[in-house]
Every structure is written in C-alpha cells, then in structure tokens.
Amino acid sequence: MSLPGWVLAIFLLMAAAVPAGVYFTATLFFPPDQVYTYVGQGTYRGAPGPAAGAGLPFLVAAGVYWYVRRRRNSK
C-alpha cells in the first residue's frame, strides 16, 4: 500500500518545521545576551519528584501483574 503524494508532502513539511520551531522557541524564551543568576549556587537540593517518578512505571506494572494474577486464580 502506497501513500498519496500529498500525505508525504505534509509529513515532510511537518518534519522540517520541528527544528525551526525548536530554534525560534529557544531564542524567544532564552535570549543569548541574557544573564542568569542562580539563588543558592553551590548548594545541593534534592528533588523528590523525579526520584518518586522513577519507580512509578514499576508500581503500575506490579499492580497490573497482581490484578491479572488475582483474576486468574479466582476462576
């Protein structure tokens, strides 16, 4: 099955727009001549969000496994 030419043209146009969008968005929000100051530089602050989120897929998979196993054993 072959795709029509206009579908390929739209796909290529969208694929070409992504790098341009990233470039212009980056220069819009982070101008090259802007000076950044960081409060508390030199201190380490742990972020509990990413550490807690790292185990989330495991918890979901374990929950699904437990649910399926429970359903199979009840029959």
N, C-alpha and C. Protein backbone atom coordinates (compact mmCIF):
# COMPACT_ATOMS: atom_id res chain seq x y z
N MET A 1 0.84 -1.17 0.00
CA MET A 1 0.00 0.00 0.00
C MET A 1 0.88 1.24 0.00
N SER A 2 0.65 2.10 -0.90
CA SER A 2 1.45 3.31 -1.05
C SER A 2 0.64 4.53 -0.60
N LEU A 3 1.32 5.44 0.04
CA LEU A 3 0.66 6.67 0.47
C LEU A 3 0.58 7.67 -0.67
N PRO A 4 -0.46 8.48 -0.71
CA PRO A 4 -0.53 9.52 -1.73
C PRO A 4 0.59 10.54 -1.56
N GLY A 5 0.91 11.23 -2.62
CA GLY A 5 1.99 12.21 -2.59
C GLY A 5 1.73 13.36 -1.64
N TRP A 6 0.47 13.76 -1.50
CA TRP A 6 0.17 14.89 -0.62
C TRP A 6 0.39 14.53 0.84
N VAL A 7 0.22 13.26 1.21
CA VAL A 7 0.47 12.84 2.59
C VAL A 7 1.96 12.92 2.88
N LEU A 8 2.78 12.48 1.93
CA LEU A 8 4.23 12.58 2.09
C LEU A 8 4.67 14.03 2.18
N ALA A 9 4.07 14.90 1.36
CA ALA A 9 4.42 16.32 1.38
C ALA A 9 4.09 16.95 2.73
N ILE A 10 2.93 16.62 3.29
CA ILE A 10 2.56 17.17 4.59
C ILE A 10 3.50 16.65 5.67
N PHE A 11 3.85 15.36 5.61
CA PHE A 11 4.76 14.80 6.59
C PHE A 11 6.12 15.48 6.54
N LEU A 12 6.65 15.66 5.33
CA LEU A 12 7.96 16.31 5.20
C LEU A 12 7.92 17.76 5.65
N LEU A 13 6.82 18.45 5.39
CA LEU A 13 6.67 19.83 5.83
C LEU A 13 6.65 19.91 7.36
N MET A 14 5.92 19.00 7.98
CA MET A 14 5.86 18.99 9.44
C MET A 14 7.21 18.61 10.04
N ALA A 15 7.91 17.66 9.42
CA ALA A 15 9.22 17.25 9.92
C ALA A 15 10.24 18.38 9.79
N ALA A 16 10.11 19.19 8.75
CA ALA A 16 11.02 20.32 8.58
C ALA A 16 10.68 21.46 9.53
N ALA A 17 9.43 21.54 9.97
CA ALA A 17 9.03 22.63 10.85
C ALA A 17 9.49 22.42 12.29
N VAL A 18 9.77 21.19 12.68
CA VAL A 18 10.16 20.92 14.07
C VAL A 18 11.48 21.58 14.44
N PRO A 19 12.56 21.42 13.67
CA PRO A 19 13.81 22.09 14.07
C PRO A 19 13.69 23.61 14.07
N ALA A 20 12.95 24.15 13.11
CA ALA A 20 12.77 25.61 13.08
C ALA A 20 11.99 26.07 14.31
N GLY A 21 10.98 25.32 14.70
CA GLY A 21 10.22 25.68 15.89
C GLY A 21 11.04 25.61 17.15
N VAL A 22 11.89 24.61 17.25
CA VAL A 22 12.76 24.49 18.42
C VAL A 22 13.74 25.65 18.47
N TYR A 23 14.31 26.02 17.34
CA TYR A 23 15.27 27.12 17.30
C TYR A 23 14.62 28.44 17.70
N PHE A 24 13.48 28.75 17.11
CA PHE A 24 12.85 30.04 17.39
C PHE A 24 12.27 30.08 18.80
N THR A 25 11.79 28.97 19.30
CA THR A 25 11.28 28.94 20.67
C THR A 25 12.42 29.13 21.66
N ALA A 26 13.55 28.50 21.40
CA ALA A 26 14.69 28.63 22.31
C ALA A 26 15.21 30.06 22.33
N THR A 27 15.29 30.71 21.18
CA THR A 27 15.78 32.09 21.17
C THR A 27 14.74 33.05 21.72
N LEU A 28 13.47 32.69 21.67
CA LEU A 28 12.43 33.56 22.22
C LEU A 28 12.45 33.53 23.74
N PHE A 29 12.56 32.34 24.31
CA PHE A 29 12.49 32.22 25.77
C PHE A 29 13.85 32.35 26.45
N PHE A 30 14.93 32.08 25.73
CA PHE A 30 16.26 32.17 26.30
C PHE A 30 17.15 33.01 25.39
N PRO A 31 17.03 34.33 25.45
CA PRO A 31 17.86 35.17 24.59
C PRO A 31 19.34 34.97 24.89
N PRO A 32 20.18 35.04 23.86
CA PRO A 32 21.61 34.76 24.07
C PRO A 32 22.33 35.79 24.93
N ASP A 33 21.84 37.02 25.03
CA ASP A 33 22.54 38.04 25.80
C ASP A 33 22.00 38.18 27.22
N GLN A 34 21.12 37.30 27.64
CA GLN A 34 20.54 37.39 28.97
C GLN A 34 21.48 36.76 29.99
N VAL A 35 21.60 37.40 31.15
CA VAL A 35 22.45 36.89 32.22
C VAL A 35 21.56 36.18 33.23
N TYR A 36 21.96 34.98 33.60
CA TYR A 36 21.18 34.20 34.55
C TYR A 36 21.88 34.20 35.90
N THR A 37 21.13 34.43 36.95
CA THR A 37 21.67 34.33 38.30
C THR A 37 20.93 33.21 39.01
N TYR A 38 21.67 32.44 39.76
CA TYR A 38 21.10 31.30 40.45
C TYR A 38 21.16 31.54 41.95
N VAL A 39 20.03 31.39 42.61
CA VAL A 39 19.97 31.56 44.06
C VAL A 39 20.42 30.25 44.70
N GLY A 40 21.28 30.37 45.68
CA GLY A 40 21.74 29.18 46.38
C GLY A 40 22.75 28.38 45.58
N GLN A 41 23.52 29.05 44.77
CA GLN A 41 24.50 28.36 43.95
C GLN A 41 25.56 27.72 44.85
N GLY A 42 25.89 26.49 44.58
CA GLY A 42 26.87 25.79 45.38
C GLY A 42 26.23 24.86 46.39
N THR A 43 24.93 24.94 46.56
CA THR A 43 24.26 24.03 47.48
C THR A 43 23.50 22.99 46.68
N TYR A 44 23.32 21.85 47.25
CA TYR A 44 22.62 20.77 46.58
C TYR A 44 21.22 20.64 47.18
N ARG A 45 20.25 20.66 46.32
CA ARG A 45 18.87 20.46 46.76
C ARG A 45 18.30 19.29 45.99
N GLY A 46 17.94 18.27 46.68
CA GLY A 46 17.38 17.09 46.03
C GLY A 46 15.94 17.33 45.61
N ALA A 47 15.57 16.74 44.50
CA ALA A 47 14.21 16.87 44.00
C ALA A 47 13.49 15.54 44.22
N PRO A 48 12.48 15.51 45.08
CA PRO A 48 11.81 14.24 45.33
C PRO A 48 10.93 13.79 44.17
N GLY A 49 10.51 14.72 43.32
CA GLY A 49 9.62 14.36 42.21
C GLY A 49 10.22 13.35 41.26
N PRO A 50 11.38 13.60 40.68
CA PRO A 50 11.97 12.63 39.76
C PRO A 50 12.32 11.30 40.43
N ALA A 51 12.76 11.35 41.66
CA ALA A 51 13.09 10.11 42.36
C ALA A 51 11.84 9.27 42.59
N ALA A 52 10.74 9.92 42.94
CA ALA A 52 9.49 9.19 43.14
C ALA A 52 8.92 8.73 41.80
N GLY A 53 9.07 9.55 40.77
CA GLY A 53 8.53 9.20 39.46
C GLY A 53 9.29 8.08 38.78
N ALA A 54 10.53 7.86 39.19
CA ALA A 54 11.32 6.80 38.57
C ALA A 54 10.75 5.43 38.89
N GLY A 55 10.13 5.28 40.04
CA GLY A 55 9.55 4.00 40.41
C GLY A 55 8.11 3.82 40.00
N LEU A 56 7.50 4.84 39.43
CA LEU A 56 6.09 4.77 39.07
C LEU A 56 5.78 3.71 38.02
N PRO A 57 6.56 3.58 36.93
CA PRO A 57 6.25 2.51 35.97
C PRO A 57 6.33 1.12 36.59
N PHE A 58 7.27 0.92 37.50
CA PHE A 58 7.37 -0.37 38.18
C PHE A 58 6.13 -0.64 39.02
N LEU A 59 5.65 0.38 39.74
CA LEU A 59 4.46 0.20 40.56
C LEU A 59 3.23 -0.10 39.70
N VAL A 60 3.11 0.55 38.57
CA VAL A 60 1.98 0.30 37.67
C VAL A 60 2.06 -1.13 37.13
N ALA A 61 3.24 -1.55 36.69
CA ALA A 61 3.40 -2.91 36.16
C ALA A 61 3.13 -3.95 37.25
N ALA A 62 3.61 -3.71 38.46
CA ALA A 62 3.36 -4.65 39.56
C ALA A 62 1.87 -4.71 39.88
N GLY A 63 1.19 -3.58 39.84
CA GLY A 63 -0.25 -3.57 40.09
C GLY A 63 -1.03 -4.32 39.03
N VAL A 64 -0.65 -4.16 37.78
CA VAL A 64 -1.32 -4.88 36.70
C VAL A 64 -1.05 -6.37 36.83
N TYR A 65 0.17 -6.75 37.14
CA TYR A 65 0.51 -8.16 37.33
C TYR A 65 -0.31 -8.76 38.47
N TRP A 66 -0.39 -8.04 39.59
CA TRP A 66 -1.15 -8.52 40.73
C TRP A 66 -2.62 -8.67 40.37
N TYR A 67 -3.19 -7.71 39.64
CA TYR A 67 -4.60 -7.75 39.25
C TYR A 67 -4.88 -8.94 38.33
N VAL A 68 -4.03 -9.14 37.33
CA VAL A 68 -4.24 -10.25 36.40
C VAL A 68 -4.09 -11.59 37.11
N ARG A 69 -3.11 -11.70 37.97
CA ARG A 69 -2.90 -12.95 38.69
C ARG A 69 -4.07 -13.25 39.62
N ARG A 70 -4.59 -12.23 40.27
CA ARG A 70 -5.73 -12.41 41.16
C ARG A 70 -6.97 -12.85 40.38
N ARG A 71 -7.17 -12.26 39.20
CA ARG A 71 -8.33 -12.62 38.38
C ARG A 71 -8.23 -14.06 37.87
N ARG A 72 -7.03 -14.48 37.52
CA ARG A 72 -6.85 -15.84 37.01
C ARG A 72 -7.01 -16.89 38.12
N ASN A 73 -6.57 -16.57 39.31
CA ASN A 73 -6.66 -17.53 40.42
C ASN A 73 -8.08 -17.67 40.94
N SER A 74 -8.93 -16.69 40.74
CA SER A 74 -10.29 -16.76 41.27
C SER A 74 -11.19 -17.67 40.43
N LYS A 75 -10.77 -18.00 39.24
CA LYS A 75 -11.62 -18.83 38.36
C LYS A 75 -11.49 -20.30 38.66
